[in-house]
C-alpha atoms as a PDB file:
ATOM      1  CA  MET A   1      -1.188  51.339 118.924  1.00  0.00           C
ATOM      2  CA  ASP A   2      -0.812  47.949 120.288  1.00  0.00           C
ATOM      3  CA  LEU A   3       1.032  47.380 123.834  1.00  0.00           C
ATOM      4  CA  TYR A   4       1.070  43.534 123.276  1.00  0.00           C
ATOM      5  CA  ARG A   5       4.424  41.729 122.835  1.00  0.00           C
ATOM      6  CA  ARG A   6       4.838  37.979 121.589  1.00  0.00           C
ATOM      7  CA  GLY A   7       4.846  35.985 124.737  1.00  0.00           C
ATOM      8  CA  ASP A   8       2.565  38.418 127.074  1.00  0.00           C
ATOM      9  CA  PHE A   9      -0.425  36.173 126.473  1.00  0.00           C
ATOM     10  CA  VAL A  10      -1.274  33.627 129.131  1.00  0.00           C
ATOM     11  CA  SER A  11      -4.048  31.023 128.782  1.00  0.00           C
ATOM     12  CA  GLU A  12      -6.165  30.087 131.623  1.00  0.00           C
ATOM     13  CA  PHE A  13      -5.106  27.146 133.408  1.00  0.00           C
ATOM     14  CA  THR A  14      -8.738  26.009 134.382  1.00  0.00           C
ATOM     15  CA  ALA A  15     -12.041  26.504 133.131  1.00  0.00           C
ATOM     16  CA  TRP A  16     -12.546  29.153 135.770  1.00  0.00           C
ATOM     17  CA  TYR A  17      -9.315  30.911 135.821  1.00  0.00           C
ATOM     18  CA  CYS A  18     -10.071  33.525 132.844  1.00  0.00           C
ATOM     19  CA  LEU A  19      -9.765  36.531 135.455  1.00  0.00           C
ATOM     20  CA  PRO A  20      -6.484  35.628 136.833  1.00  0.00           C
ATOM     21  CA  ALA A  21      -5.307  34.565 133.255  1.00  0.00           C
ATOM     22  CA  ALA A  22      -6.308  37.969 131.884  1.00  0.00           C
ATOM     23  CA  LEU A  23      -4.709  39.562 135.192  1.00  0.00           C
ATOM     24  CA  GLN A  24      -1.421  37.664 134.440  1.00  0.00           C
ATOM     25  CA  THR A  25      -1.695  38.829 130.730  1.00  0.00           C
ATOM     26  CA  MET A  26      -1.913  42.384 131.536  1.00  0.00           C
ATOM     27  CA  ILE A  27       0.610  42.141 134.171  1.00  0.00           C
ATOM     28  CA  ASN A  28       2.879  40.838 131.482  1.00  0.00           C
ATOM     29  CA  ILE A  29       1.986  43.634 128.993  1.00  0.00           C
ATOM     30  CA  MET A  30       2.852  46.146 131.915  1.00  0.00           C
ATOM     31  CA  GLU A  31       6.116  44.631 132.762  1.00  0.00           C
ATOM     32  CA  PRO A  32       9.211  44.857 130.659  1.00  0.00           C
ATOM     33  CA  GLY A  33      11.440  41.694 130.571  1.00  0.00           C
ATOM     34  CA  LYS A  34      10.551  38.068 130.589  1.00  0.00           C
ATOM     35  CA  PRO A  35       6.787  37.226 130.943  1.00  0.00           C
ATOM     36  CA  ASP A  36       5.452  35.111 133.741  1.00  0.00           C
ATOM     37  CA  ARG A  37       3.404  32.323 132.376  1.00  0.00           C
ATOM     38  CA  THR A  38       3.594  29.931 135.177  1.00  0.00           C
ATOM     39  CA  ARG A  39       0.452  28.120 136.954  1.00  0.00           C
ATOM     40  CA  ARG A  40       1.989  29.112 140.350  1.00  0.00           C
ATOM     41  CA  THR A  41       1.506  33.000 139.399  1.00  0.00           C
ATOM     42  CA  GLN A  42      -1.937  32.370 138.237  1.00  0.00           C
ATOM     43  CA  ASP A  43      -3.135  30.470 141.271  1.00  0.00           C
ATOM     44  CA  ARG A  44      -1.584  33.299 143.353  1.00  0.00           C
ATOM     45  CA  LEU A  45      -3.609  35.968 141.216  1.00  0.00           C
ATOM     46  CA  TYR A  46      -7.005  33.661 141.577  1.00  0.00           C
ATOM     47  CA  ARG A  47      -6.783  33.761 145.186  1.00  0.00           C
ATOM     48  CA  LEU A  48      -5.905  37.501 145.320  1.00  0.00           C
ATOM     49  CA  ALA A  49      -8.800  38.512 143.042  1.00  0.00           C
ATOM     50  CA  ARG A  50     -11.295  36.342 145.082  1.00  0.00           C
ATOM     51  CA  ARG A  51      -9.989  37.981 148.268  1.00  0.00           C
ATOM     52  CA  PHE A  52     -11.043  41.515 146.920  1.00  0.00           C
ATOM     53  CA  SER A  53     -14.138  40.185 145.612  1.00  0.00           C
ATOM     54  CA  THR A  54     -17.229  40.997 147.463  1.00  0.00           C
ATOM     55  CA  ASP A  55     -19.550  38.737 149.639  1.00  0.00           C
ATOM     56  CA  LYS A  56     -21.929  38.478 146.633  1.00  0.00           C
ATOM     57  CA  LEU A  57     -19.357  36.070 144.975  1.00  0.00           C
ATOM     58  CA  GLU A  58     -21.076  32.643 144.073  1.00  0.00           C
ATOM     59  CA  GLY A  59     -19.063  29.466 143.238  1.00  0.00           C
ATOM     60  CA  LYS A  60     -15.567  29.600 141.292  1.00  0.00           C
ATOM     61  CA  GLY A  61     -14.255  32.745 139.828  1.00  0.00           C
ATOM     62  CA  ALA A  62     -14.030  36.297 140.749  1.00  0.00           C
ATOM     63  CA  GLU A  63     -15.732  39.719 140.306  1.00  0.00           C
ATOM     64  CA  PRO A  64     -14.540  42.810 138.348  1.00  0.00           C
ATOM     65  CA  ILE A  65     -14.004  44.706 141.707  1.00  0.00           C
ATOM     66  CA  GLY A  66     -11.370  41.818 142.533  1.00  0.00           C
ATOM     67  CA  TRP A  67      -9.689  42.561 139.444  1.00  0.00           C
ATOM     68  CA  ALA A  68      -9.230  46.257 139.697  1.00  0.00           C
ATOM     69  CA  ARG A  69      -8.440  45.934 143.385  1.00  0.00           C
ATOM     70  CA  ALA A  70      -5.754  43.162 142.929  1.00  0.00           C
ATOM     71  CA  LEU A  71      -4.116  45.441 140.128  1.00  0.00           C
ATOM     72  CA  GLU A  72      -4.055  48.346 142.729  1.00  0.00           C
ATOM     73  CA  HIS A  73      -2.417  45.969 145.649  1.00  0.00           C
ATOM     74  CA  LEU A  74       0.276  44.874 142.997  1.00  0.00           C
ATOM     75  CA  GLY A  75       1.355  48.338 142.448  1.00  0.00           C
ATOM     76  CA  TYR A  76      -0.089  48.988 138.883  1.00  0.00           C
ATOM     77  CA  GLY A  77      -1.669  52.334 139.796  1.00  0.00           C
ATOM     78  CA  GLU A  78      -5.361  53.259 140.309  1.00  0.00           C
ATOM     79  CA  TRP A  79      -8.097  51.017 138.532  1.00  0.00           C
ATOM     80  CA  GLU A  80     -11.888  51.375 138.237  1.00  0.00           C
ATOM     81  CA  VAL A  81     -14.765  48.997 137.414  1.00  0.00           C
ATOM     82  CA  LYS A  82     -16.943  51.358 135.035  1.00  0.00           C
ATOM     83  CA  SER A  83     -20.055  50.267 133.224  1.00  0.00           C
ATOM     84  CA  PHE A  84     -21.632  51.926 130.021  1.00  0.00           C
ATOM     85  CA  ARG A  85     -25.195  52.111 128.582  1.00  0.00           C
ATOM     86  CA  THR A  86     -23.930  51.314 124.987  1.00  0.00           C
ATOM     87  CA  ARG A  87     -21.163  49.186 123.617  1.00  0.00           C
ATOM     88  CA  GLY A  88     -19.816  52.068 121.600  1.00  0.00           C
ATOM     89  CA  GLN A  89     -19.576  54.254 124.667  1.00  0.00           C
ATOM     90  CA  ALA A  90     -17.541  51.640 126.454  1.00  0.00           C
ATOM     91  CA  VAL A  91     -15.373  50.985 123.447  1.00  0.00           C
ATOM     92  CA  LYS A  92     -14.358  54.711 123.266  1.00  0.00           C
ATOM     93  CA  ALA A  93     -13.804  55.087 127.176  1.00  0.00           C
ATOM     94  CA  ALA A  94     -11.544  51.896 126.928  1.00  0.00           C
ATOM     95  CA  VAL A  95      -9.451  53.271 124.056  1.00  0.00           C
ATOM     96  CA  LYS A  96      -9.387  56.748 125.733  1.00  0.00           C
ATOM     97  CA  ALA A  97      -7.942  55.032 129.010  1.00  0.00           C
ATOM     98  CA  LEU A  98      -5.373  52.751 127.071  1.00  0.00           C
ATOM     99  CA  ARG A  99      -3.974  55.827 125.278  1.00  0.00           C
ATOM    100  CA  MET A 100      -3.819  57.947 128.294  1.00  0.00           C
ATOM    101  CA  THR A 101      -2.176  55.416 130.645  1.00  0.00           C
ATOM    102  CA  GLY A 102      -0.350  53.293 128.382  1.00  0.00           C
ATOM    103  CA  LYS A 103      -1.998  50.267 130.067  1.00  0.00           C
ATOM    104  CA  PRO A 104      -4.251  47.602 128.940  1.00  0.00           C
ATOM    105  CA  VAL A 105      -7.960  47.544 129.659  1.00  0.00           C
ATOM    106  CA  GLY A 106     -10.026  44.699 130.981  1.00  0.00           C
ATOM    107  CA  MET A 107     -13.376  43.750 129.293  1.00  0.00           C
ATOM    108  CA  LEU A 108     -16.110  41.707 130.886  1.00  0.00           C
ATOM    109  CA  THR A 109     -17.206  39.505 127.916  1.00  0.00           C
ATOM    110  CA  TRP A 110     -20.071  36.553 127.503  1.00  0.00           C
ATOM    111  CA  ARG A 111     -22.265  38.424 129.713  1.00  0.00           C
ATOM    112  CA  GLY A 112     -19.672  38.936 132.335  1.00  0.00           C
ATOM    113  CA  ALA A 113     -18.940  34.999 132.492  1.00  0.00           C
ATOM    114  CA  HIS A 114     -15.593  35.688 130.773  1.00  0.00           C
ATOM    115  CA  SER A 115     -12.476  37.910 130.674  1.00  0.00           C
ATOM    116  CA  TRP A 116     -10.742  39.392 127.994  1.00  0.00           C
ATOM    117  CA  VAL A 117      -7.601  41.898 127.661  1.00  0.00           C
ATOM    118  CA  MET A 118      -7.867  44.959 125.095  1.00  0.00           C
ATOM    119  CA  SER A 119      -4.329  45.851 124.387  1.00  0.00           C
ATOM    120  CA  GLY A 120      -4.632  48.200 121.319  1.00  0.00           C
ATOM    121  CA  PHE A 121      -6.882  50.019 118.914  1.00  0.00           C
ATOM    122  CA  ARG A 122      -6.997  51.808 115.626  1.00  0.00           C
ATOM    123  CA  SER A 123      -8.914  55.083 115.568  1.00  0.00           C
ATOM    124  CA  THR A 124      -9.632  58.040 113.093  1.00  0.00           C
ATOM    125  CA  ALA A 125      -7.956  60.316 115.354  1.00  0.00           C
ATOM    126  CA  ASP A 126      -5.646  60.290 118.340  1.00  0.00           C
ATOM    127  CA  PRO A 127      -7.767  60.091 121.620  1.00  0.00           C
ATOM    128  CA  ALA A 128      -4.915  61.893 123.652  1.00  0.00           C
ATOM    129  CA  LEU A 129      -5.784  64.972 121.467  1.00  0.00           C
ATOM    130  CA  THR A 130      -9.549  65.051 121.101  1.00  0.00           C
ATOM    131  CA  ASP A 131     -12.776  63.541 121.897  1.00  0.00           C
ATOM    132  CA  ARG A 132     -13.993  63.553 118.200  1.00  0.00           C
ATOM    133  CA  TYR A 133     -12.788  60.198 117.113  1.00  0.00           C
ATOM    134  CA  GLN A 134     -14.376  56.846 115.907  1.00  0.00           C
ATOM    135  CA  VAL A 135     -12.579  53.269 117.103  1.00  0.00           C
ATOM    136  CA  THR A 136     -12.169  51.036 114.029  1.00  0.00           C
ATOM    137  CA  SER A 137     -10.878  47.880 115.442  1.00  0.00           C
ATOM    138  CA  VAL A 138      -9.120  46.717 118.711  1.00  0.00           C
ATOM    139  CA  ALA A 139      -6.564  44.122 119.548  1.00  0.00           C
ATOM    140  CA  ILE A 140      -7.755  41.635 122.217  1.00  0.00           C
ATOM    141  CA  GLN A 141      -6.188  38.624 124.157  1.00  0.00           C
ATOM    142  CA  ASP A 142      -8.931  35.966 124.803  1.00  0.00           C
ATOM    143  CA  VAL A 143      -7.366  33.555 127.645  1.00  0.00           C
ATOM    144  CA  TRP A 144      -9.727  31.187 126.633  1.00  0.00           C
ATOM    145  CA  TYR A 145      -7.599  30.318 123.709  1.00  0.00           C
ATOM    146  CA  PRO A 146      -6.921  27.535 122.160  1.00  0.00           C
ATOM    147  CA  ARG A 147     -10.313  26.139 123.521  1.00  0.00           C
ATOM    148  CA  VAL A 148     -13.575  25.996 122.053  1.00  0.00           C
ATOM    149  CA  SER A 149     -16.678  26.759 123.857  1.00  0.00           C
ATOM    150  CA  SER A 150     -19.871  25.056 123.211  1.00  0.00           C
ATOM    151  CA  ILE A 151     -21.736  28.128 123.695  1.00  0.00           C
ATOM    152  CA  TRP A 152     -19.344  30.823 122.115  1.00  0.00           C
ATOM    153  CA  GLY A 153     -17.480  28.917 119.544  1.00  0.00           C
ATOM    154  CA  ARG A 154     -13.870  28.936 118.659  1.00  0.00           C
ATOM    155  CA  SER A 155     -11.615  31.516 120.758  1.00  0.00           C
ATOM    156  CA  ASP A 156      -9.506  33.823 118.996  1.00  0.00           C
ATOM    157  CA  PRO A 157      -5.649  33.543 118.929  1.00  0.00           C
ATOM    158  CA  PRO A 158      -3.528  36.168 120.893  1.00  0.00           C
ATOM    159  CA  GLY A 159      -2.922  39.462 119.496  1.00  0.00           C
ATOM    160  CA  THR A 160      -6.214  39.227 117.256  1.00  0.00           C
ATOM    161  CA  TRP A 161      -7.257  42.494 115.551  1.00  0.00           C
ATOM    162  CA  MET A 162     -11.311  42.617 115.711  1.00  0.00           C
ATOM    163  CA  GLN A 163     -13.464  45.069 113.872  1.00  0.00           C
ATOM    164  CA  VAL A 164     -15.600  47.005 116.302  1.00  0.00           C
ATOM    165  CA  GLU A 165     -19.127  45.876 115.002  1.00  0.00           C
ATOM    166  CA  ASP A 166     -17.801  42.208 115.377  1.00  0.00           C
ATOM    167  CA  LEU A 167     -17.397  42.713 119.333  1.00  0.00           C
ATOM    168  CA  GLY A 168     -21.413  42.147 119.563  1.00  0.00           C
ATOM    169  CA  ARG A 169     -20.679  38.456 119.424  1.00  0.00           C
ATOM    170  CA  ASP A 170     -19.018  38.422 122.877  1.00  0.00           C
ATOM    171  CA  PHE A 171     -19.028  41.845 124.403  1.00  0.00           C
ATOM    172  CA  LEU A 172     -22.448  41.719 125.647  1.00  0.00           C
ATOM    173  CA  ARG A 173     -24.480  43.429 128.498  1.00  0.00           C
ATOM    174  CA  TYR A 174     -23.540  42.169 131.928  1.00  0.00           C
ATOM    175  CA  ASN A 175     -25.879  39.610 133.363  1.00  0.00           C
ATOM    176  CA  ARG A 176     -24.718  37.092 136.049  1.00  0.00           C
ATOM    177  CA  TRP A 177     -28.381  35.457 136.032  1.00  0.00           C
ATOM    178  CA  THR A 178     -28.370  34.141 139.885  1.00  0.00           C
ATOM    179  CA  VAL A 179     -26.806  37.496 141.326  1.00  0.00           C
ATOM    180  CA  ASN A 180     -27.830  41.247 140.908  1.00  0.00           C
ATOM    181  CA  TYR A 181     -25.182  43.687 140.589  1.00  0.00           C
ATOM    182  CA  PRO A 182     -26.687  47.235 140.600  1.00  0.00           C
ATOM    183  CA  GLY A 183     -24.871  49.705 138.373  1.00  0.00           C
ATOM    184  CA  LEU A 184     -23.232  46.540 136.327  1.00  0.00           C
ATOM    185  CA  ASP A 185     -26.346  44.642 135.301  1.00  0.00           C
ATOM    186  CA  GLY A 186     -27.651  45.325 131.731  1.00  0.00           C
ATOM    187  CA  ARG A 187     -24.469  47.539 130.799  1.00  0.00           C
ATOM    188  CA  TYR A 188     -21.041  47.067 129.369  1.00  0.00           C
ATOM    189  CA  VAL A 189     -18.501  46.482 131.936  1.00  0.00           C
ATOM    190  CA  LEU A 190     -14.705  47.302 131.779  1.00  0.00           C
ATOM    191  CA  VAL A 191     -11.825  47.429 134.305  1.00  0.00           C
ATOM    192  CA  MET A 192     -10.061  50.443 133.618  1.00  0.00           C
ATOM    193  CA  PRO A 193      -6.680  52.022 134.400  1.00  0.00           C
ATOM    194  CA  VAL A 194      -7.226  55.620 135.778  1.00  0.00           C
ATOM    195  CA  PRO A 195      -5.028  58.436 134.330  1.00  0.00           C
ATOM    196  CA  ARG A 196      -2.904  60.230 136.903  1.00  0.00           C
ATOM    197  CA  ALA A 197      -4.143  63.748 137.535  1.00  0.00           C
ATOM    198  CA  PRO A 198      -1.812  66.423 136.076  1.00  0.00           C
ATOM    199  CA  ALA A 199       0.497  67.998 138.396  1.00  0.00           C
ATOM    200  CA  THR A 200      -0.183  71.104 139.831  1.00  0.00           C
END
C-alpha cells in the first residue's frame, strides 16, 4: 500500500522548513487533483505550525504538536503526537494508522531535528484485519532531498522504499538537547492520524 503519487512531494524551501514541507507533502497526498508545491503555501504552513507550537519552542522551526494542530486546523481530521519505547512499536503503530485512515504519517527523524512523511508500507498481513503482522518496508518522503547533510549524508529521493532495519540510520530517539520534552524525550515520535470511531 502506498498513498504517494508522483508530484506530491515538496522539498523544503529553507533549511528550517522541514516540518512545513512535510505538512505540504502530506496535504498533497490527501488532496486529489493538482498538488501545491509553492513557496507561498510552505511559508503559510510554517507560520501556522509555529502558531500551534508551545512556548518551549526555541529558534526556527516548529514542534510536533504544531504539526498535528495545523492539520486539524486545516480540516484533515484528528491527529495526535504519539511516542513509543521502541522503533518497532512505532513502525507498527504508524502502518496501522496509515492503513485504517488512508492518511500518511509524520515521522520525527534525526533525533527530532527533521521531518519525514511515511506514505506506504509492506507487511506480512493486513494491519486492518489483525495485529499479528510484521512490517518489512516503508515508503518515505524525505523533504531534505535533494540536499546532502554534513551529518546524516545524502537524502533519499521521493517515494523511496526503505527496509525497516535501515530506519535506524535516521529514525532515532527524540532528543532536542537544549529543551526538555517530557513524554517525547528518549522515545520514537510520530504525528499520526486518528481513525474515526465506528458509528453507533
